[in-house]
Amino acid sequence: MSIHDEFEFIKQITPKHQLNSDVIVGIGDDAAIIRPYTGKDVIACTDTMVEEVHFSRITMSPFHIGYKALAANISDVAAMGGTPKFYLVSLVVPTSWSEEELVEIYKGMEELAQQYQMVLIGGDTVSTSGPLVVNVMVMGSILQDKSLKRSDALPGDLVFLTGTVGDSAAGLHILLNEKDSNEYLVKRHQLPTPQGQAGILLSNLGRVALNDISDGVASEAIEIAEASQVDIELDASLIPLSAEILTFGHEQAINWALYGGEDYELIGTISSEKWSELERVFAQDDIKITKIGKVIRGSGNVSLKSGDSVKQLKKQGYNHFKHGDHNEN
C-alpha cells in the first residue's frame, strides 16, 4: 500500500457534501458521533469481501469493488425493511494497490451512497502482504416494531421475488469465459441495485418474512423456511428470469437463479389476503414483483416443482473463482 500522506488521503475520501443532519462528528476524528433516532430502532450490519474469494481484479475495477461492497450491506438493511443512513469502511490493503486505486474504491461507494443520502462516518486502513480485504458496516433506521424478519412466514403465505434473479452469476460467467459481452448482465454483476425502496414499502404491509438474494434463491428460501419452521414450495416456471439470461437456456438460467447469488433482490412471504395490496403498492413505484410459490406446514424444507418433477433444494453457494459448479456450504 502506498499512501504518501494519511491526512491528504482522508481528505480525498471525505464526502464533499454532508447529507445527514444526524451526524454530529463524522470522518476525520477519533470516532463518529451520531444523534439517536426518536421513535426508531437502529439497524446495523457488516459485510467483508476478500480478493479472489468474493471478487477479482480480472472482473471488477476498484470502483466496482467499492460499489458492490456497499450494495451488499444496503441490501441487508433493505431485507429488514429499513433505511440505510451511515457507513464505515475498513480496508486491509496489499502493497501492490496504489493510493489512486484505493480512492476509486471509495468513489464507488460514494456513487451508491449518494442515491440513499448516506454518509461515510469513519473507518480504518492498514497494509498487508495478503489479499485486499474490504469491510463495510452500515447503520440504518426503521420505525419501532416495523422491522421484517425471516422468522415470520406462516402456512398459507405466498412467496414472492422482486426483479429478476441469476443475472449477476450470468454476468460473472461472461466476464470469466465469454469474448462477446452482454452489457446488461455484466452491469448486474458489477453494479447491482439493492432493493431499498421495496424493503421500505414491505415494512408498511404488516407481517412479512423477508431475506435478500446474496447467496441465491435456494439458500435464502431455506433460511426463511428454517427460521419460520415451515416448508416452502417453489415453482420453477414462475421464477422471474431476464430475456438476457435466457439466451443461455432455461435450465442454466434456473441454476444461476437458485445458486448464483449476488442479485440483491428480495425474497419473502406475505399472506394471500395482502397480495393484491402488495402488487398495487409496488406497481405505483414501478417495482417488479412476482409470485413464485407458497408456504405450507413443515419443518424448514424447500422444494422446487419443475414440470412433473419435484426436488428438495439444499443450501449451496457459488464458488466464483474455481471452475465447475456449486459447493455446499
Protein backbone atom coordinates (compact mmCIF):
# COMPACT_ATOMS: atom_id res chain seq x y z
CA MET A 1 0.00 0.00 0.00
CA SER A 2 1.43 3.35 -0.98
CA ILE A 3 -0.40 6.15 0.86
CA HIS A 4 2.05 9.04 0.96
CA ASP A 5 0.07 11.33 3.28
CA GLU A 6 -2.62 9.87 5.56
CA PHE A 7 -4.32 13.22 6.17
CA GLU A 8 -4.43 14.00 2.46
CA PHE A 9 -5.88 10.55 1.80
CA ILE A 10 -8.63 11.11 4.38
CA LYS A 11 -9.38 14.43 2.71
CA GLN A 12 -9.75 12.68 -0.65
CA ILE A 13 -12.26 10.13 0.62
CA THR A 14 -14.29 12.52 2.81
CA PRO A 15 -17.70 13.17 1.21
CA LYS A 16 -17.95 16.59 -0.41
CA HIS A 17 -21.42 17.26 0.99
CA GLN A 18 -22.96 16.50 4.37
CA LEU A 19 -26.24 14.75 3.52
CA ASN A 20 -27.44 13.86 7.01
CA SER A 21 -28.06 16.27 9.86
CA ASP A 22 -27.92 13.40 12.39
CA VAL A 23 -24.10 13.29 12.06
CA ILE A 24 -22.56 15.42 14.82
CA VAL A 25 -18.94 14.36 14.19
CA GLY A 26 -18.06 12.50 11.01
CA ILE A 27 -14.96 11.14 9.31
CA GLY A 28 -11.59 12.56 10.37
CA ASP A 29 -11.85 12.49 14.18
CA ASP A 30 -11.12 9.65 16.63
CA ALA A 31 -14.71 8.43 16.43
CA ALA A 32 -18.01 9.42 14.85
CA ILE A 33 -20.94 10.82 16.80
CA ILE A 34 -24.50 10.43 15.56
CA ARG A 35 -27.73 11.57 17.16
CA PRO A 36 -30.12 8.76 18.22
CA TYR A 37 -33.45 8.50 16.42
CA THR A 38 -36.63 9.25 18.33
CA GLY A 39 -39.21 6.50 17.91
CA LYS A 40 -36.96 4.39 15.68
CA ASP A 41 -34.82 1.28 16.02
CA VAL A 42 -31.24 1.19 14.76
CA ILE A 43 -30.29 -1.46 12.19
CA ALA A 44 -26.61 -2.42 11.99
CA CYS A 45 -24.93 -4.86 9.61
CA THR A 46 -21.46 -5.58 8.30
CA ASP A 47 -20.05 -7.48 5.36
CA THR A 48 -16.49 -8.49 4.48
CA MET A 49 -15.21 -9.12 0.96
CA VAL A 50 -11.87 -10.80 0.27
CA GLU A 51 -9.98 -10.60 -3.04
CA GLU A 52 -10.12 -13.85 -5.05
CA VAL A 53 -12.89 -15.14 -2.78
CA HIS A 54 -15.65 -12.58 -3.30
CA PHE A 55 -14.18 -10.58 -6.18
CA SER A 56 -11.29 -10.49 -8.62
CA ARG A 57 -9.47 -7.62 -10.28
CA ILE A 58 -9.95 -9.56 -13.52
CA THR A 59 -13.70 -8.93 -13.40
CA MET A 60 -14.06 -5.88 -11.13
CA SER A 61 -12.45 -2.45 -11.21
CA PRO A 62 -11.68 -0.73 -7.87
CA PHE A 63 -14.80 1.42 -8.43
CA HIS A 64 -16.94 -1.71 -8.88
CA ILE A 65 -15.45 -3.32 -5.76
CA GLY A 66 -16.39 -0.33 -3.62
CA TYR A 67 -19.85 -0.02 -5.13
CA LYS A 68 -20.66 -3.69 -4.61
CA ALA A 69 -19.29 -3.82 -1.06
CA LEU A 70 -21.69 -1.08 -0.02
CA ALA A 71 -24.54 -2.57 -2.07
CA ALA A 72 -24.32 -5.85 -0.12
CA ASN A 73 -24.86 -4.02 3.15
CA ILE A 74 -27.64 -1.77 1.86
CA SER A 75 -29.37 -4.95 0.70
CA ASP A 76 -29.17 -6.38 4.23
CA VAL A 77 -30.81 -3.24 5.61
CA ALA A 78 -33.49 -3.46 2.90
CA ALA A 79 -34.20 -7.05 3.95
CA MET A 80 -35.11 -5.73 7.40
CA GLY A 81 -37.36 -3.03 5.91
CA GLY A 82 -35.04 -0.22 6.99
CA THR A 83 -33.45 2.91 5.57
CA PRO A 84 -29.62 3.00 5.39
CA LYS A 85 -28.08 6.12 6.93
CA PHE A 86 -24.33 5.80 7.65
CA TYR A 87 -21.42 3.59 6.71
CA LEU A 88 -17.91 2.83 7.96
CA VAL A 89 -15.17 1.28 5.84
CA SER A 90 -12.07 -0.68 6.84
CA LEU A 91 -9.55 -1.77 4.22
CA VAL A 92 -6.71 -4.27 4.56
CA VAL A 93 -4.59 -3.33 1.57
CA PRO A 94 -1.77 -5.21 -0.22
CA THR A 95 1.36 -3.26 -1.08
CA SER A 96 0.54 -3.73 -4.78
CA TRP A 97 -2.51 -1.45 -4.55
CA SER A 98 -1.92 2.24 -5.23
CA GLU A 99 -3.45 5.21 -3.45
CA GLU A 100 -5.32 6.09 -6.65
CA GLU A 101 -6.93 2.64 -6.71
CA LEU A 102 -7.99 2.96 -3.06
CA VAL A 103 -9.60 6.31 -3.78
CA GLU A 104 -11.53 4.65 -6.62
CA ILE A 105 -12.92 2.08 -4.15
CA TYR A 106 -14.30 4.91 -2.04
CA LYS A 107 -15.65 6.67 -5.14
CA GLY A 108 -17.61 3.54 -6.00
CA MET A 109 -19.15 3.54 -2.54
CA GLU A 110 -19.93 7.25 -2.68
CA GLU A 111 -21.68 6.84 -6.03
CA LEU A 112 -24.17 4.45 -4.42
CA ALA A 113 -24.29 6.23 -1.06
CA GLN A 114 -25.50 9.44 -2.71
CA GLN A 115 -28.53 7.60 -4.08
CA TYR A 116 -29.57 6.83 -0.49
CA GLN A 117 -28.28 10.07 1.09
CA MET A 118 -25.88 8.02 3.19
CA VAL A 119 -22.83 9.46 4.92
CA LEU A 120 -19.36 7.92 5.39
CA ILE A 121 -18.56 8.48 9.08
CA GLY A 122 -15.30 6.58 9.65
CA GLY A 123 -13.16 3.50 9.19
CA ASP A 124 -9.57 2.32 9.07
CA THR A 125 -6.87 1.38 6.56
CA VAL A 126 -3.95 -0.99 7.20
CA SER A 127 -1.44 -2.76 4.96
CA THR A 128 -0.92 -6.49 4.46
CA SER A 129 1.14 -8.96 2.48
CA GLY A 130 -2.07 -10.87 1.72
CA PRO A 131 -5.09 -10.07 -0.47
CA LEU A 132 -7.26 -6.97 -0.36
CA VAL A 133 -9.97 -7.15 2.31
CA VAL A 134 -12.89 -4.72 2.29
CA ASN A 135 -15.11 -4.49 5.37
CA VAL A 136 -18.15 -2.24 5.35
CA MET A 137 -20.52 -1.55 8.22
CA VAL A 138 -23.85 0.14 7.58
CA MET A 139 -26.20 1.66 10.14
CA GLY A 140 -29.81 2.39 9.32
CA SER A 141 -33.14 3.03 10.97
CA ILE A 142 -36.71 1.79 10.99
CA LEU A 143 -39.81 2.74 12.93
CA GLN A 144 -40.06 0.80 16.17
CA ASP A 145 -41.74 -2.62 15.79
CA LYS A 146 -41.77 -2.37 11.97
CA SER A 147 -38.67 -4.48 11.22
CA LEU A 148 -39.06 -7.51 8.95
CA LYS A 149 -37.59 -10.87 9.91
CA ARG A 150 -37.02 -14.25 8.27
CA SER A 151 -38.94 -15.96 11.04
CA ASP A 152 -42.39 -14.51 10.28
CA ALA A 153 -43.58 -16.83 7.48
CA LEU A 154 -46.80 -18.77 8.11
CA PRO A 155 -48.57 -21.62 6.29
CA GLY A 156 -50.84 -20.18 3.62
CA ASP A 157 -48.46 -17.32 2.75
CA LEU A 158 -47.45 -16.64 -0.83
CA VAL A 159 -43.74 -16.48 -1.73
CA PHE A 160 -42.55 -13.55 -3.85
CA LEU A 161 -39.43 -12.18 -5.53
CA THR A 162 -38.52 -8.68 -6.65
CA GLY A 163 -36.87 -8.12 -10.04
CA THR A 164 -35.14 -10.95 -11.88
CA VAL A 165 -32.59 -13.40 -10.49
CA GLY A 166 -29.50 -15.18 -11.77
CA ASP A 167 -28.29 -12.17 -13.73
CA SER A 168 -25.24 -11.48 -11.57
CA ALA A 169 -23.95 -15.05 -11.90
CA ALA A 170 -24.52 -14.90 -15.65
CA GLY A 171 -22.61 -11.63 -15.81
CA LEU A 172 -19.69 -13.17 -13.93
CA HIS A 173 -19.72 -16.15 -16.29
CA ILE A 174 -19.47 -13.78 -19.24
CA LEU A 175 -16.59 -11.85 -17.67
CA LEU A 176 -14.66 -15.05 -16.97
CA ASN A 177 -15.44 -17.06 -20.09
CA GLU A 178 -17.03 -15.14 -22.95
CA LYS A 179 -15.44 -12.99 -25.63
CA ASP A 180 -18.76 -11.40 -26.55
CA SER A 181 -20.03 -9.28 -23.67
CA ASN A 182 -23.63 -8.72 -22.61
CA GLU A 183 -23.68 -5.23 -21.14
CA TYR A 184 -26.87 -5.76 -19.13
CA LEU A 185 -25.71 -8.95 -17.39
CA VAL A 186 -22.20 -7.63 -16.75
CA LYS A 187 -23.65 -4.48 -15.18
CA ARG A 188 -25.93 -6.60 -13.00
CA HIS A 189 -22.81 -8.30 -11.64
CA GLN A 190 -20.55 -5.27 -11.26
CA LEU A 191 -23.13 -2.63 -10.27
CA PRO A 192 -26.05 -4.43 -8.59
CA THR A 193 -29.09 -2.48 -7.40
CA PRO A 194 -30.16 -3.18 -3.81
CA GLN A 195 -33.93 -3.02 -3.32
CA GLY A 196 -34.06 -0.31 -0.66
CA GLN A 197 -37.41 1.18 -1.64
CA ALA A 198 -39.02 -2.26 -1.90
CA GLY A 199 -37.92 -3.07 1.65
CA ILE A 200 -39.41 0.16 2.99
CA LEU A 201 -42.72 -0.47 1.20
CA LEU A 202 -42.88 -4.00 2.57
CA SER A 203 -42.35 -2.75 6.13
CA ASN A 204 -45.67 -0.91 5.82
CA LEU A 205 -47.65 -4.02 4.86
CA GLY A 206 -47.75 -5.76 8.22
CA ARG A 207 -46.39 -9.28 8.71
CA VAL A 208 -43.82 -10.11 6.02
CA ALA A 209 -40.93 -12.58 6.19
CA LEU A 210 -38.03 -11.24 4.14
CA ASN A 211 -34.50 -12.07 3.02
CA ASP A 212 -32.17 -10.68 0.36
CA ILE A 213 -30.68 -12.67 -2.51
CA SER A 214 -26.98 -12.74 -1.67
CA ASP A 215 -26.39 -16.50 -1.97
CA GLY A 216 -29.15 -17.49 -4.39
CA VAL A 217 -32.87 -18.20 -4.23
CA ALA A 218 -32.39 -21.71 -2.80
CA SER A 219 -30.31 -20.69 0.21
CA GLU A 220 -32.39 -17.62 1.01
CA ALA A 221 -35.69 -19.53 0.80
CA ILE A 222 -34.29 -22.24 3.06
CA GLU A 223 -33.20 -19.62 5.60
CA ILE A 224 -36.79 -18.31 5.74
CA ALA A 225 -38.20 -21.85 6.00
CA GLU A 226 -35.80 -22.83 8.78
CA ALA A 227 -36.26 -19.62 10.76
CA SER A 228 -40.07 -19.85 10.50
CA GLN A 229 -40.26 -23.66 10.86
CA VAL A 230 -42.39 -24.04 7.75
CA ASP A 231 -41.92 -25.65 4.34
CA ILE A 232 -41.80 -23.68 1.11
CA GLU A 233 -42.87 -24.92 -2.31
CA LEU A 234 -41.39 -23.05 -5.30
CA ASP A 235 -42.40 -23.35 -8.95
CA ALA A 236 -39.51 -23.14 -11.44
CA SER A 237 -41.83 -21.88 -14.17
CA LEU A 238 -42.67 -18.80 -12.07
CA ILE A 239 -39.14 -17.70 -11.15
CA PRO A 240 -38.55 -14.34 -12.91
CA LEU A 241 -35.72 -14.50 -15.46
CA SER A 242 -34.46 -11.73 -17.74
CA ALA A 243 -34.54 -12.11 -21.51
CA GLU A 244 -30.75 -11.76 -21.46
CA ILE A 245 -30.13 -14.70 -19.13
CA LEU A 246 -32.49 -16.91 -21.12
CA THR A 247 -30.08 -16.77 -24.06
CA PHE A 248 -28.09 -19.37 -22.06
CA GLY A 249 -31.12 -21.68 -21.91
CA HIS A 250 -33.79 -22.09 -19.24
CA GLU A 251 -32.02 -24.87 -17.32
CA GLN A 252 -28.80 -22.89 -16.93
CA ALA A 253 -30.73 -19.74 -16.08
CA ILE A 254 -32.65 -21.52 -13.30
CA ASN A 255 -29.40 -22.96 -11.94
CA TRP A 256 -27.89 -19.48 -11.72
CA ALA A 257 -31.09 -18.14 -10.16
CA LEU A 258 -31.08 -20.82 -7.48
CA TYR A 259 -27.38 -20.84 -6.63
CA GLY A 260 -25.63 -17.88 -8.25
CA GLY A 261 -26.40 -15.16 -5.72
CA GLU A 262 -25.36 -11.50 -5.56
CA ASP A 263 -28.51 -10.27 -7.29
CA TYR A 264 -29.51 -8.38 -4.13
CA GLU A 265 -33.18 -8.76 -4.93
CA LEU A 266 -35.64 -9.57 -2.13
CA ILE A 267 -37.44 -12.86 -1.48
CA GLY A 268 -40.23 -13.01 1.03
CA THR A 269 -43.61 -14.28 2.09
CA ILE A 270 -46.88 -12.45 2.69
CA SER A 271 -50.42 -13.53 3.50
CA SER A 272 -52.54 -14.28 0.43
CA GLU A 273 -55.03 -11.63 1.61
CA LYS A 274 -52.32 -8.96 1.31
CA TRP A 275 -51.08 -9.99 -2.16
CA SER A 276 -53.31 -7.61 -4.15
CA GLU A 277 -52.26 -4.69 -1.97
CA LEU A 278 -48.60 -5.62 -2.42
CA GLU A 279 -48.99 -5.71 -6.21
CA ARG A 280 -50.74 -2.33 -6.19
CA VAL A 281 -48.17 -0.62 -3.95
CA PHE A 282 -45.24 -1.97 -5.97
CA ALA A 283 -46.86 -1.02 -9.29
CA GLN A 284 -47.12 2.58 -8.09
CA ASP A 285 -43.33 2.64 -7.64
CA ASP A 286 -42.71 0.61 -10.83
CA ILE A 287 -41.09 -2.25 -8.87
CA LYS A 288 -41.33 -5.70 -10.43
CA ILE A 289 -42.81 -8.32 -8.10
CA THR A 290 -43.53 -11.98 -8.91
CA LYS A 291 -45.35 -14.72 -7.02
CA ILE A 292 -43.16 -17.86 -7.15
CA GLY A 293 -44.60 -20.29 -4.62
CA LYS A 294 -46.37 -20.88 -1.34
CA VAL A 295 -45.75 -21.70 2.32
CA ILE A 296 -47.10 -24.91 3.86
CA ARG A 297 -46.79 -26.62 7.23
CA GLY A 298 -43.40 -28.22 7.76
CA SER A 299 -40.03 -28.03 9.46
CA GLY A 300 -37.69 -25.98 7.29
CA ASN A 301 -37.59 -27.64 3.86
CA VAL A 302 -37.83 -26.06 0.41
CA SER A 303 -38.90 -27.92 -2.72
CA LEU A 304 -38.85 -26.91 -6.39
CA LYS A 305 -41.51 -28.07 -8.83
CA SER A 306 -40.27 -28.28 -12.41
CA GLY A 307 -42.74 -29.81 -14.83
CA ASP A 308 -43.82 -33.14 -13.37
CA SER A 309 -40.82 -33.46 -11.05
CA VAL A 310 -40.31 -32.12 -7.53
CA LYS A 311 -36.92 -31.96 -5.81
CA GLN A 312 -35.70 -30.83 -2.43
CA LEU A 313 -33.36 -27.84 -2.56
CA LYS A 314 -30.19 -27.60 -0.50
CA LYS A 315 -28.16 -24.66 0.69
CA GLN A 316 -25.38 -24.18 -1.80
CA GLY A 317 -23.06 -21.29 -2.54
CA TYR A 318 -21.41 -20.44 -5.80
CA ASN A 319 -17.61 -20.76 -5.85
CA HIS A 320 -16.84 -17.81 -8.08
CA PHE A 321 -13.21 -18.39 -8.94
CA LYS A 322 -12.96 -22.14 -9.39
CA HIS A 323 -14.12 -23.98 -12.44
CA GLY A 324 -17.08 -26.17 -12.08
CA ASP A 325 -20.09 -25.95 -10.05
CA HIS A 326 -21.57 -25.12 -6.73
CA ASN A 327 -20.10 -26.13 -3.44
CA GLU A 328 -22.35 -26.80 -0.50
CA ASN A 329 -21.68 -24.59 2.49
